[in-house]
Amino acid sequence: DTQVAVNIPTHAFDYFHLPELQSVEATE
């Protein structure tokens, strides 16, 4: 079992036109 820290770079935000979200609900 592993806890991972995944970085999403600025390039991905620019490429996908993603907004920065401080608190967002997501579904696994």
mmCIF file of all heavy atoms, coordinates in Angstrom:
data_MODEL
# 
_entry.id   MODEL 
# 
loop_
_atom_site.group_PDB 
_atom_site.id 
_atom_site.type_symbol 
_atom_site.label_atom_id 
_atom_site.label_alt_id 
_atom_site.label_comp_id 
_atom_site.label_asym_id 
_atom_site.label_entity_id 
_atom_site.label_seq_id 
_atom_site.pdbx_PDB_ins_code 
_atom_site.Cartn_x 
_atom_site.Cartn_y 
_atom_site.Cartn_z 
_atom_site.occupancy 
_atom_site.B_iso_or_equiv 
_atom_site.pdbx_formal_charge 
_atom_site.auth_seq_id 
_atom_site.auth_comp_id 
_atom_site.auth_asym_id 
_atom_site.auth_atom_id 
_atom_site.pdbx_PDB_model_num 
ATOM 1   N N   . ASP A 1 1  ? 0.858   -1.188 0.000   1.00 0.00 ? 1  ASP A N   1 
ATOM 2   C CA  . ASP A 1 1  ? 0.000   0.000  0.000   1.00 0.00 ? 1  ASP A CA  1 
ATOM 3   C C   . ASP A 1 1  ? 0.892   1.234  0.000   1.00 0.00 ? 1  ASP A C   1 
ATOM 4   O O   . ASP A 1 1  ? 1.911   1.281  0.704   1.00 0.00 ? 1  ASP A O   1 
ATOM 5   C CB  . ASP A 1 1  ? -0.901  0.014  1.241   1.00 0.00 ? 1  ASP A CB  1 
ATOM 6   C CG  . ASP A 1 1  ? -1.875  -1.144 1.254   1.00 0.00 ? 1  ASP A CG  1 
ATOM 7   O OD1 . ASP A 1 1  ? -1.939  -1.894 0.252   1.00 0.00 ? 1  ASP A OD1 1 
ATOM 8   O OD2 . ASP A 1 1  ? -2.579  -1.313 2.268   1.00 0.00 ? 1  ASP A OD2 1 
ATOM 9   N N   . THR A 1 2  ? 0.514   2.229  -0.782  1.00 0.00 ? 2  THR A N   1 
ATOM 10  C CA  . THR A 1 2  ? 1.381   3.380  -0.989  1.00 0.00 ? 2  THR A CA  1 
ATOM 11  C C   . THR A 1 2  ? 0.584   4.674  -0.991  1.00 0.00 ? 2  THR A C   1 
ATOM 12  O O   . THR A 1 2  ? -0.498  4.739  -1.578  1.00 0.00 ? 2  THR A O   1 
ATOM 13  C CB  . THR A 1 2  ? 2.140   3.269  -2.331  1.00 0.00 ? 2  THR A CB  1 
ATOM 14  O OG1 . THR A 1 2  ? 2.825   2.014  -2.389  1.00 0.00 ? 2  THR A OG1 1 
ATOM 15  C CG2 . THR A 1 2  ? 3.133   4.398  -2.498  1.00 0.00 ? 2  THR A CG2 1 
ATOM 16  N N   . GLN A 1 3  ? 1.112   5.700  -0.331  1.00 0.00 ? 3  GLN A N   1 
ATOM 17  C CA  . GLN A 1 3  ? 0.556   7.038  -0.451  1.00 0.00 ? 3  GLN A CA  1 
ATOM 18  C C   . GLN A 1 3  ? 1.418   7.805  -1.453  1.00 0.00 ? 3  GLN A C   1 
ATOM 19  O O   . GLN A 1 3  ? 2.628   7.936  -1.264  1.00 0.00 ? 3  GLN A O   1 
ATOM 20  C CB  . GLN A 1 3  ? 0.539   7.769  0.891   1.00 0.00 ? 3  GLN A CB  1 
ATOM 21  C CG  . GLN A 1 3  ? -0.130  9.140  0.824   1.00 0.00 ? 3  GLN A CG  1 
ATOM 22  C CD  . GLN A 1 3  ? -0.149  9.845  2.168   1.00 0.00 ? 3  GLN A CD  1 
ATOM 23  O OE1 . GLN A 1 3  ? 0.839   10.427 2.583   1.00 0.00 ? 3  GLN A OE1 1 
ATOM 24  N NE2 . GLN A 1 3  ? -1.298  9.791  2.837   1.00 0.00 ? 3  GLN A NE2 1 
ATOM 25  N N   . VAL A 1 4  ? 0.792   8.292  -2.517  1.00 0.00 ? 4  VAL A N   1 
ATOM 26  C CA  . VAL A 1 4  ? 1.545   8.967  -3.563  1.00 0.00 ? 4  VAL A CA  1 
ATOM 27  C C   . VAL A 1 4  ? 1.175   10.446 -3.609  1.00 0.00 ? 4  VAL A C   1 
ATOM 28  O O   . VAL A 1 4  ? 0.064   10.840 -3.251  1.00 0.00 ? 4  VAL A O   1 
ATOM 29  C CB  . VAL A 1 4  ? 1.296   8.328  -4.945  1.00 0.00 ? 4  VAL A CB  1 
ATOM 30  C CG1 . VAL A 1 4  ? 1.784   6.897  -4.978  1.00 0.00 ? 4  VAL A CG1 1 
ATOM 31  C CG2 . VAL A 1 4  ? -0.178  8.402  -5.331  1.00 0.00 ? 4  VAL A CG2 1 
ATOM 32  N N   . ALA A 1 5  ? 2.132   11.252 -4.039  1.00 0.00 ? 5  ALA A N   1 
ATOM 33  C CA  . ALA A 1 5  ? 1.922   12.686 -4.235  1.00 0.00 ? 5  ALA A CA  1 
ATOM 34  C C   . ALA A 1 5  ? 2.120   12.971 -5.717  1.00 0.00 ? 5  ALA A C   1 
ATOM 35  O O   . ALA A 1 5  ? 3.239   12.876 -6.228  1.00 0.00 ? 5  ALA A O   1 
ATOM 36  C CB  . ALA A 1 5  ? 2.910   13.490 -3.386  1.00 0.00 ? 5  ALA A CB  1 
ATOM 37  N N   . VAL A 1 6  ? 1.036   13.278 -6.407  1.00 0.00 ? 6  VAL A N   1 
ATOM 38  C CA  . VAL A 1 6  ? 1.060   13.433 -7.865  1.00 0.00 ? 6  VAL A CA  1 
ATOM 39  C C   . VAL A 1 6  ? 1.033   14.921 -8.227  1.00 0.00 ? 6  VAL A C   1 
ATOM 40  O O   . VAL A 1 6  ? 0.081   15.635 -7.885  1.00 0.00 ? 6  VAL A O   1 
ATOM 41  C CB  . VAL A 1 6  ? -0.136  12.719 -8.519  1.00 0.00 ? 6  VAL A CB  1 
ATOM 42  C CG1 . VAL A 1 6  ? -0.084  12.882 -10.029 1.00 0.00 ? 6  VAL A CG1 1 
ATOM 43  C CG2 . VAL A 1 6  ? -0.148  11.248 -8.133  1.00 0.00 ? 6  VAL A CG2 1 
ATOM 44  N N   . ASN A 1 7  ? 2.069   15.373 -8.910  1.00 0.00 ? 7  ASN A N   1 
ATOM 45  C CA  . ASN A 1 7  ? 2.129   16.753 -9.378  1.00 0.00 ? 7  ASN A CA  1 
ATOM 46  C C   . ASN A 1 7  ? 1.486   16.881 -10.754 1.00 0.00 ? 7  ASN A C   1 
ATOM 47  O O   . ASN A 1 7  ? 1.756   16.070 -11.656 1.00 0.00 ? 7  ASN A O   1 
ATOM 48  C CB  . ASN A 1 7  ? 3.590   17.217 -9.470  1.00 0.00 ? 7  ASN A CB  1 
ATOM 49  C CG  . ASN A 1 7  ? 4.238   17.333 -8.106  1.00 0.00 ? 7  ASN A CG  1 
ATOM 50  O OD1 . ASN A 1 7  ? 3.814   18.128 -7.276  1.00 0.00 ? 7  ASN A OD1 1 
ATOM 51  N ND2 . ASN A 1 7  ? 5.266   16.529 -7.878  1.00 0.00 ? 7  ASN A ND2 1 
ATOM 52  N N   . ILE A 1 8  ? 0.630   17.887 -10.908 1.00 0.00 ? 8  ILE A N   1 
ATOM 53  C CA  . ILE A 1 8  ? 0.062   18.222 -12.212 1.00 0.00 ? 8  ILE A CA  1 
ATOM 54  C C   . ILE A 1 8  ? 0.682   19.544 -12.633 1.00 0.00 ? 8  ILE A C   1 
ATOM 55  O O   . ILE A 1 8  ? 0.457   20.581 -11.993 1.00 0.00 ? 8  ILE A O   1 
ATOM 56  C CB  . ILE A 1 8  ? -1.467  18.323 -12.151 1.00 0.00 ? 8  ILE A CB  1 
ATOM 57  C CG1 . ILE A 1 8  ? -2.064  16.984 -11.690 1.00 0.00 ? 8  ILE A CG1 1 
ATOM 58  C CG2 . ILE A 1 8  ? -2.033  18.709 -13.512 1.00 0.00 ? 8  ILE A CG2 1 
ATOM 59  C CD1 . ILE A 1 8  ? -3.570  16.981 -11.571 1.00 0.00 ? 8  ILE A CD1 1 
ATOM 60  N N   . PRO A 1 9  ? 1.499   19.572 -13.696 1.00 0.00 ? 9  PRO A N   1 
ATOM 61  C CA  . PRO A 1 9  ? 2.275   20.766 -14.033 1.00 0.00 ? 9  PRO A CA  1 
ATOM 62  C C   . PRO A 1 9  ? 1.419   21.867 -14.665 1.00 0.00 ? 9  PRO A C   1 
ATOM 63  O O   . PRO A 1 9  ? 0.299   21.632 -15.125 1.00 0.00 ? 9  PRO A O   1 
ATOM 64  C CB  . PRO A 1 9  ? 3.301   20.230 -15.037 1.00 0.00 ? 9  PRO A CB  1 
ATOM 65  C CG  . PRO A 1 9  ? 2.594   19.084 -15.691 1.00 0.00 ? 9  PRO A CG  1 
ATOM 66  C CD  . PRO A 1 9  ? 1.768   18.451 -14.601 1.00 0.00 ? 9  PRO A CD  1 
ATOM 67  N N   . THR A 1 10 ? 1.977   23.054 -14.685 1.00 0.00 ? 10 THR A N   1 
ATOM 68  C CA  . THR A 1 10 ? 1.302   24.201 -15.293 1.00 0.00 ? 10 THR A CA  1 
ATOM 69  C C   . THR A 1 10 ? 0.959   23.932 -16.757 1.00 0.00 ? 10 THR A C   1 
ATOM 70  O O   . THR A 1 10 ? -0.086  24.366 -17.251 1.00 0.00 ? 10 THR A O   1 
ATOM 71  C CB  . THR A 1 10 ? 2.193   25.449 -15.188 1.00 0.00 ? 10 THR A CB  1 
ATOM 72  O OG1 . THR A 1 10 ? 2.478   25.715 -13.809 1.00 0.00 ? 10 THR A OG1 1 
ATOM 73  C CG2 . THR A 1 10 ? 1.518   26.666 -15.789 1.00 0.00 ? 10 THR A CG2 1 
ATOM 74  N N   . HIS A 1 11 ? 1.836   23.214 -17.446 1.00 0.00 ? 11 HIS A N   1 
ATOM 75  C CA  . HIS A 1 11 ? 1.592   22.906 -18.861 1.00 0.00 ? 11 HIS A CA  1 
ATOM 76  C C   . HIS A 1 11 ? 0.267   22.165 -19.042 1.00 0.00 ? 11 HIS A C   1 
ATOM 77  O O   . HIS A 1 11 ? -0.466  22.412 -20.015 1.00 0.00 ? 11 HIS A O   1 
ATOM 78  C CB  . HIS A 1 11 ? 2.748   22.069 -19.407 1.00 0.00 ? 11 HIS A CB  1 
ATOM 79  C CG  . HIS A 1 11 ? 2.636   21.779 -20.869 1.00 0.00 ? 11 HIS A CG  1 
ATOM 80  N ND1 . HIS A 1 11 ? 3.314   20.754 -21.478 1.00 0.00 ? 11 HIS A ND1 1 
ATOM 81  C CD2 . HIS A 1 11 ? 1.898   22.360 -21.838 1.00 0.00 ? 11 HIS A CD2 1 
ATOM 82  C CE1 . HIS A 1 11 ? 3.005   20.721 -22.761 1.00 0.00 ? 11 HIS A CE1 1 
ATOM 83  N NE2 . HIS A 1 11 ? 2.157   21.686 -23.012 1.00 0.00 ? 11 HIS A NE2 1 
ATOM 84  N N   . ALA A 1 12 ? -0.054  21.260 -18.116 1.00 0.00 ? 12 ALA A N   1 
ATOM 85  C CA  . ALA A 1 12 ? -1.320  20.516 -18.211 1.00 0.00 ? 12 ALA A CA  1 
ATOM 86  C C   . ALA A 1 12 ? -2.510  21.453 -18.025 1.00 0.00 ? 12 ALA A C   1 
ATOM 87  O O   . ALA A 1 12 ? -3.530  21.320 -18.713 1.00 0.00 ? 12 ALA A O   1 
ATOM 88  C CB  . ALA A 1 12 ? -1.354  19.405 -17.174 1.00 0.00 ? 12 ALA A CB  1 
ATOM 89  N N   . PHE A 1 13 ? -2.388  22.392 -17.101 1.00 0.00 ? 13 PHE A N   1 
ATOM 90  C CA  . PHE A 1 13 ? -3.462  23.363 -16.882 1.00 0.00 ? 13 PHE A CA  1 
ATOM 91  C C   . PHE A 1 13 ? -3.668  24.219 -18.129 1.00 0.00 ? 13 PHE A C   1 
ATOM 92  O O   . PHE A 1 13 ? -4.805  24.506 -18.518 1.00 0.00 ? 13 PHE A O   1 
ATOM 93  C CB  . PHE A 1 13 ? -3.146  24.236 -15.669 1.00 0.00 ? 13 PHE A CB  1 
ATOM 94  C CG  . PHE A 1 13 ? -3.430  23.574 -14.356 1.00 0.00 ? 13 PHE A CG  1 
ATOM 95  C CD1 . PHE A 1 13 ? -2.534  22.667 -13.809 1.00 0.00 ? 13 PHE A CD1 1 
ATOM 96  C CD2 . PHE A 1 13 ? -4.611  23.836 -13.674 1.00 0.00 ? 13 PHE A CD2 1 
ATOM 97  C CE1 . PHE A 1 13 ? -2.793  22.045 -12.592 1.00 0.00 ? 13 PHE A CE1 1 
ATOM 98  C CE2 . PHE A 1 13 ? -4.888  23.222 -12.466 1.00 0.00 ? 13 PHE A CE2 1 
ATOM 99  C CZ  . PHE A 1 13 ? -3.987  22.317 -11.921 1.00 0.00 ? 13 PHE A CZ  1 
ATOM 100 N N   . ASP A 1 14 ? -2.567  24.615 -18.764 1.00 0.00 ? 14 ASP A N   1 
ATOM 101 C CA  . ASP A 1 14 ? -2.671  25.411 -19.982 1.00 0.00 ? 14 ASP A CA  1 
ATOM 102 C C   . ASP A 1 14 ? -3.220  24.584 -21.142 1.00 0.00 ? 14 ASP A C   1 
ATOM 103 O O   . ASP A 1 14 ? -4.085  25.042 -21.900 1.00 0.00 ? 14 ASP A O   1 
ATOM 104 C CB  . ASP A 1 14 ? -1.296  25.976 -20.364 1.00 0.00 ? 14 ASP A CB  1 
ATOM 105 C CG  . ASP A 1 14 ? -0.772  26.968 -19.339 1.00 0.00 ? 14 ASP A CG  1 
ATOM 106 O OD1 . ASP A 1 14 ? -1.593  27.515 -18.570 1.00 0.00 ? 14 ASP A OD1 1 
ATOM 107 O OD2 . ASP A 1 14 ? 0.456   27.172 -19.295 1.00 0.00 ? 14 ASP A OD2 1 
ATOM 108 N N   . TYR A 1 15 ? -2.743  23.375 -21.260 1.00 0.00 ? 15 TYR A N   1 
ATOM 109 C CA  . TYR A 1 15 ? -3.131  22.504 -22.380 1.00 0.00 ? 15 TYR A CA  1 
ATOM 110 C C   . TYR A 1 15 ? -4.619  22.162 -22.334 1.00 0.00 ? 15 TYR A C   1 
ATOM 111 O O   . TYR A 1 15 ? -5.307  22.151 -23.364 1.00 0.00 ? 15 TYR A O   1 
ATOM 112 C CB  . TYR A 1 15 ? -2.280  21.235 -22.341 1.00 0.00 ? 15 TYR A CB  1 
ATOM 113 C CG  . TYR A 1 15 ? -2.562  20.247 -23.445 1.00 0.00 ? 15 TYR A CG  1 
ATOM 114 C CD1 . TYR A 1 15 ? -2.145  20.505 -24.759 1.00 0.00 ? 15 TYR A CD1 1 
ATOM 115 C CD2 . TYR A 1 15 ? -3.232  19.053 -23.187 1.00 0.00 ? 15 TYR A CD2 1 
ATOM 116 C CE1 . TYR A 1 15 ? -2.395  19.602 -25.776 1.00 0.00 ? 15 TYR A CE1 1 
ATOM 117 C CE2 . TYR A 1 15 ? -3.487  18.145 -24.200 1.00 0.00 ? 15 TYR A CE2 1 
ATOM 118 C CZ  . TYR A 1 15 ? -3.066  18.422 -25.494 1.00 0.00 ? 15 TYR A CZ  1 
ATOM 119 O OH  . TYR A 1 15 ? -3.327  17.518 -26.495 1.00 0.00 ? 15 TYR A OH  1 
ATOM 120 N N   . PHE A 1 16 ? -5.121  21.867 -21.124 1.00 0.00 ? 16 PHE A N   1 
ATOM 121 C CA  . PHE A 1 16 ? -6.521  21.480 -20.963 1.00 0.00 ? 16 PHE A CA  1 
ATOM 122 C C   . PHE A 1 16 ? -7.427  22.643 -20.548 1.00 0.00 ? 16 PHE A C   1 
ATOM 123 O O   . PHE A 1 16 ? -8.623  22.433 -20.319 1.00 0.00 ? 16 PHE A O   1 
ATOM 124 C CB  . PHE A 1 16 ? -6.638  20.370 -19.916 1.00 0.00 ? 16 PHE A CB  1 
ATOM 125 C CG  . PHE A 1 16 ? -6.257  19.002 -20.409 1.00 0.00 ? 16 PHE A CG  1 
ATOM 126 C CD1 . PHE A 1 16 ? -5.637  18.091 -19.560 1.00 0.00 ? 16 PHE A CD1 1 
ATOM 127 C CD2 . PHE A 1 16 ? -6.525  18.621 -21.712 1.00 0.00 ? 16 PHE A CD2 1 
ATOM 128 C CE1 . PHE A 1 16 ? -5.304  16.815 -20.000 1.00 0.00 ? 16 PHE A CE1 1 
ATOM 129 C CE2 . PHE A 1 16 ? -6.188  17.346 -22.161 1.00 0.00 ? 16 PHE A CE2 1 
ATOM 130 C CZ  . PHE A 1 16 ? -5.574  16.446 -21.312 1.00 0.00 ? 16 PHE A CZ  1 
ATOM 131 N N   . HIS A 1 17 ? -6.849  23.857 -20.402 1.00 0.00 ? 17 HIS A N   1 
ATOM 132 C CA  . HIS A 1 17 ? -7.612  25.026 -19.960 1.00 0.00 ? 17 HIS A CA  1 
ATOM 133 C C   . HIS A 1 17 ? -8.311  24.737 -18.620 1.00 0.00 ? 17 HIS A C   1 
ATOM 134 O O   . HIS A 1 17 ? -9.506  24.969 -18.448 1.00 0.00 ? 17 HIS A O   1 
ATOM 135 C CB  . HIS A 1 17 ? -8.644  25.440 -21.011 1.00 0.00 ? 17 HIS A CB  1 
ATOM 136 C CG  . HIS A 1 17 ? -8.058  25.669 -22.371 1.00 0.00 ? 17 HIS A CG  1 
ATOM 137 N ND1 . HIS A 1 17 ? -7.232  26.742 -22.652 1.00 0.00 ? 17 HIS A ND1 1 
ATOM 138 C CD2 . HIS A 1 17 ? -8.161  24.945 -23.522 1.00 0.00 ? 17 HIS A CD2 1 
ATOM 139 C CE1 . HIS A 1 17 ? -6.857  26.678 -23.926 1.00 0.00 ? 17 HIS A CE1 1 
ATOM 140 N NE2 . HIS A 1 17 ? -7.391  25.606 -24.464 1.00 0.00 ? 17 HIS A NE2 1 
ATOM 141 N N   . LEU A 1 18 ? -7.525  24.234 -17.675 1.00 0.00 ? 18 LEU A N   1 
ATOM 142 C CA  . LEU A 1 18 ? -8.067  23.863 -16.370 1.00 0.00 ? 18 LEU A CA  1 
ATOM 143 C C   . LEU A 1 18 ? -8.017  25.045 -15.412 1.00 0.00 ? 18 LEU A C   1 
ATOM 144 O O   . LEU A 1 18 ? -7.012  25.755 -15.347 1.00 0.00 ? 18 LEU A O   1 
ATOM 145 C CB  . LEU A 1 18 ? -7.267  22.707 -15.760 1.00 0.00 ? 18 LEU A CB  1 
ATOM 146 C CG  . LEU A 1 18 ? -7.252  21.385 -16.511 1.00 0.00 ? 18 LEU A CG  1 
ATOM 147 C CD1 . LEU A 1 18 ? -6.300  20.404 -15.826 1.00 0.00 ? 18 LEU A CD1 1 
ATOM 148 C CD2 . LEU A 1 18 ? -8.656  20.786 -16.582 1.00 0.00 ? 18 LEU A CD2 1 
ATOM 149 N N   . PRO A 1 19 ? -9.066  25.242 -14.623 1.00 0.00 ? 19 PRO A N   1 
ATOM 150 C CA  . PRO A 1 19 ? -9.008  26.245 -13.568 1.00 0.00 ? 19 PRO A CA  1 
ATOM 151 C C   . PRO A 1 19 ? -8.325  25.664 -12.330 1.00 0.00 ? 19 PRO A C   1 
ATOM 152 O O   . PRO A 1 19 ? -8.298  24.448 -12.135 1.00 0.00 ? 19 PRO A O   1 
ATOM 153 C CB  . PRO A 1 19 ? -10.484 26.526 -13.280 1.00 0.00 ? 19 PRO A CB  1 
ATOM 154 C CG  . PRO A 1 19 ? -11.153 25.210 -13.564 1.00 0.00 ? 19 PRO A CG  1 
ATOM 155 C CD  . PRO A 1 19 ? -10.393 24.592 -14.703 1.00 0.00 ? 19 PRO A CD  1 
ATOM 156 N N   . GLU A 1 20 ? -7.752  26.525 -11.519 1.00 0.00 ? 20 GLU A N   1 
ATOM 157 C CA  . GLU A 1 20 ? -7.239  26.075 -10.228 1.00 0.00 ? 20 GLU A CA  1 
ATOM 158 C C   . GLU A 1 20 ? -8.405  26.021 -9.251  1.00 0.00 ? 20 GLU A C   1 
ATOM 159 O O   . GLU A 1 20 ? -9.169  26.971 -9.133  1.00 0.00 ? 20 GLU A O   1 
ATOM 160 C CB  . GLU A 1 20 ? -6.148  27.020 -9.719  1.00 0.00 ? 20 GLU A CB  1 
ATOM 161 C CG  . GLU A 1 20 ? -4.888  26.990 -10.565 1.00 0.00 ? 20 GLU A CG  1 
ATOM 162 C CD  . GLU A 1 20 ? -3.745  27.740 -9.904  1.00 0.00 ? 20 GLU A CD  1 
ATOM 163 O OE1 . GLU A 1 20 ? -3.611  27.621 -8.659  1.00 0.00 ? 20 GLU A OE1 1 
ATOM 164 O OE2 . GLU A 1 20 ? -3.004  28.442 -10.615 1.00 0.00 ? 20 GLU A OE2 1 
ATOM 165 N N   . LEU A 1 21 ? -8.529  24.898 -8.561  1.00 0.00 ? 21 LEU A N   1 
ATOM 166 C CA  . LEU A 1 21 ? -9.648  24.673 -7.637  1.00 0.00 ? 21 LEU A CA  1 
ATOM 167 C C   . LEU A 1 21 ? -9.091  24.327 -6.267  1.00 0.00 ? 21 LEU A C   1 
ATOM 168 O O   . LEU A 1 21 ? -8.387  23.324 -6.102  1.00 0.00 ? 21 LEU A O   1 
ATOM 169 C CB  . LEU A 1 21 ? -10.539 23.539 -8.158  1.00 0.00 ? 21 LEU A CB  1 
ATOM 170 C CG  . LEU A 1 21 ? -11.127 23.744 -9.573  1.00 0.00 ? 21 LEU A CG  1 
ATOM 171 C CD1 . LEU A 1 21 ? -11.794 22.473 -10.060 1.00 0.00 ? 21 LEU A CD1 1 
ATOM 172 C CD2 . LEU A 1 21 ? -12.103 24.907 -9.575  1.00 0.00 ? 21 LEU A CD2 1 
ATOM 173 N N   . GLN A 1 22 ? -9.376  25.164 -5.280  1.00 0.00 ? 22 GLN A N   1 
ATOM 174 C CA  . GLN A 1 22 ? -8.841  24.951 -3.944  1.00 0.00 ? 22 GLN A CA  1 
ATOM 175 C C   . GLN A 1 22 ? -9.521  23.805 -3.207  1.00 0.00 ? 22 GLN A C   1 
ATOM 176 O O   . GLN A 1 22 ? -8.912  23.135 -2.391  1.00 0.00 ? 22 GLN A O   1 
ATOM 177 C CB  . GLN A 1 22 ? -8.968  26.241 -3.128  1.00 0.00 ? 22 GLN A CB  1 
ATOM 178 C CG  . GLN A 1 22 ? -8.083  27.362 -3.634  1.00 0.00 ? 22 GLN A CG  1 
ATOM 179 C CD  . GLN A 1 22 ? -6.610  26.949 -3.699  1.00 0.00 ? 22 GLN A CD  1 
ATOM 180 O OE1 . GLN A 1 22 ? -6.077  26.373 -2.749  1.00 0.00 ? 22 GLN A OE1 1 
ATOM 181 N NE2 . GLN A 1 22 ? -5.961  27.236 -4.826  1.00 0.00 ? 22 GLN A NE2 1 
ATOM 182 N N   . SER A 1 23 ? -10.778 23.570 -3.493  1.00 0.00 ? 23 SER A N   1 
ATOM 183 C CA  . SER A 1 23 ? -11.498 22.478 -2.843  1.00 0.00 ? 23 SER A CA  1 
ATOM 184 C C   . SER A 1 23 ? -12.588 21.986 -3.784  1.00 0.00 ? 23 SER A C   1 
ATOM 185 O O   . SER A 1 23 ? -13.571 22.680 -4.015  1.00 0.00 ? 23 SER A O   1 
ATOM 186 C CB  . SER A 1 23 ? -12.109 22.946 -1.517  1.00 0.00 ? 23 SER A CB  1 
ATOM 187 O OG  . SER A 1 23 ? -12.802 21.884 -0.883  1.00 0.00 ? 23 SER A OG  1 
ATOM 188 N N   . VAL A 1 24 ? -12.370 20.823 -4.340  1.00 0.00 ? 24 VAL A N   1 
ATOM 189 C CA  . VAL A 1 24 ? -13.318 20.278 -5.304  1.00 0.00 ? 24 VAL A CA  1 
ATOM 190 C C   . VAL A 1 24 ? -13.627 18.827 -4.940  1.00 0.00 ? 24 VAL A C   1 
ATOM 191 O O   . VAL A 1 24 ? -12.741 18.077 -4.538  1.00 0.00 ? 24 VAL A O   1 
ATOM 192 C CB  . VAL A 1 24 ? -12.770 20.380 -6.749  1.00 0.00 ? 24 VAL A CB  1 
ATOM 193 C CG1 . VAL A 1 24 ? -11.460 19.622 -6.900  1.00 0.00 ? 24 VAL A CG1 1 
ATOM 194 C CG2 . VAL A 1 24 ? -13.789 19.880 -7.748  1.00 0.00 ? 24 VAL A CG2 1 
ATOM 195 N N   . GLU A 1 25 ? -14.902 18.460 -5.050  1.00 0.00 ? 25 GLU A N   1 
ATOM 196 C CA  . GLU A 1 25 ? -15.302 17.080 -4.800  1.00 0.00 ? 25 GLU A CA  1 
ATOM 197 C C   . GLU A 1 25 ? -15.093 16.257 -6.064  1.00 0.00 ? 25 GLU A C   1 
ATOM 198 O O   . GLU A 1 25 ? -15.462 16.680 -7.161  1.00 0.00 ? 25 GLU A O   1 
ATOM 199 C CB  . GLU A 1 25 ? -16.767 16.998 -4.355  1.00 0.00 ? 25 GLU A CB  1 
ATOM 200 C CG  . GLU A 1 25 ? -16.985 17.401 -2.915  1.00 0.00 ? 25 GLU A CG  1 
ATOM 201 C CD  . GLU A 1 25 ? -18.333 16.931 -2.384  1.00 0.00 ? 25 GLU A CD  1 
ATOM 202 O OE1 . GLU A 1 25 ? -19.158 16.477 -3.201  1.00 0.00 ? 25 GLU A OE1 1 
ATOM 203 O OE2 . GLU A 1 25 ? -18.558 17.012 -1.165  1.00 0.00 ? 25 GLU A OE2 1 
ATOM 204 N N   . ALA A 1 26 ? -14.490 15.108 -5.890  1.00 0.00 ? 26 ALA A N   1 
ATOM 205 C CA  . ALA A 1 26 ? -14.214 14.214 -7.015  1.00 0.00 ? 26 ALA A CA  1 
ATOM 206 C C   . ALA A 1 26 ? -14.721 12.823 -6.670  1.00 0.00 ? 26 ALA A C   1 
ATOM 207 O O   . ALA A 1 26 ? -14.900 12.481 -5.495  1.00 0.00 ? 26 ALA A O   1 
ATOM 208 C CB  . ALA A 1 26 ? -12.716 14.186 -7.310  1.00 0.00 ? 26 ALA A CB  1 
ATOM 209 N N   . THR A 1 27 ? -14.927 12.025 -7.693  1.00 0.00 ? 27 THR A N   1 
ATOM 210 C CA  . THR A 1 27 ? -15.397 10.651 -7.508  1.00 0.00 ? 27 THR A CA  1 
ATOM 211 C C   . THR A 1 27 ? -14.311 9.680  -7.923  1.00 0.00 ? 27 THR A C   1 
ATOM 212 O O   . THR A 1 27 ? -13.727 9.818  -9.015  1.00 0.00 ? 27 THR A O   1 
ATOM 213 C CB  . THR A 1 27 ? -16.664 10.390 -8.346  1.00 0.00 ? 27 THR A CB  1 
ATOM 214 O OG1 . THR A 1 27 ? -17.677 11.315 -7.980  1.00 0.00 ? 27 THR A OG1 1 
ATOM 215 C CG2 . THR A 1 27 ? -17.183 8.977  -8.110  1.00 0.00 ? 27 THR A CG2 1 
ATOM 216 N N   . GLU A 1 28 ? -14.021 8.711  -7.062  1.00 0.00 ? 28 GLU A N   1 
ATOM 217 C CA  . GLU A 1 28 ? -13.110 7.634  -7.427  1.00 0.00 ? 28 GLU A CA  1 
ATOM 218 C C   . GLU A 1 28 ? -13.962 6.564  -8.106  1.00 0.00 ? 28 GLU A C   1 
ATOM 219 O O   . GLU A 1 28 ? -14.778 5.905  -7.469  1.00 0.00 ? 28 GLU A O   1 
ATOM 220 C CB  . GLU A 1 28 ? -12.404 7.085  -6.190  1.00 0.00 ? 28 GLU A CB  1 
ATOM 221 C CG  . GLU A 1 28 ? -11.089 6.382  -6.502  1.00 0.00 ? 28 GLU A CG  1 
ATOM 222 C CD  . GLU A 1 28 ? -11.270 5.106  -7.306  1.00 0.00 ? 28 GLU A CD  1 
ATOM 223 O OE1 . GLU A 1 28 ? -11.844 4.150  -6.764  1.00 0.00 ? 28 GLU A OE1 1 
ATOM 224 O OE2 . GLU A 1 28 ? -10.846 5.071  -8.482  1.00 0.00 ? 28 GLU A OE2 1 
# 
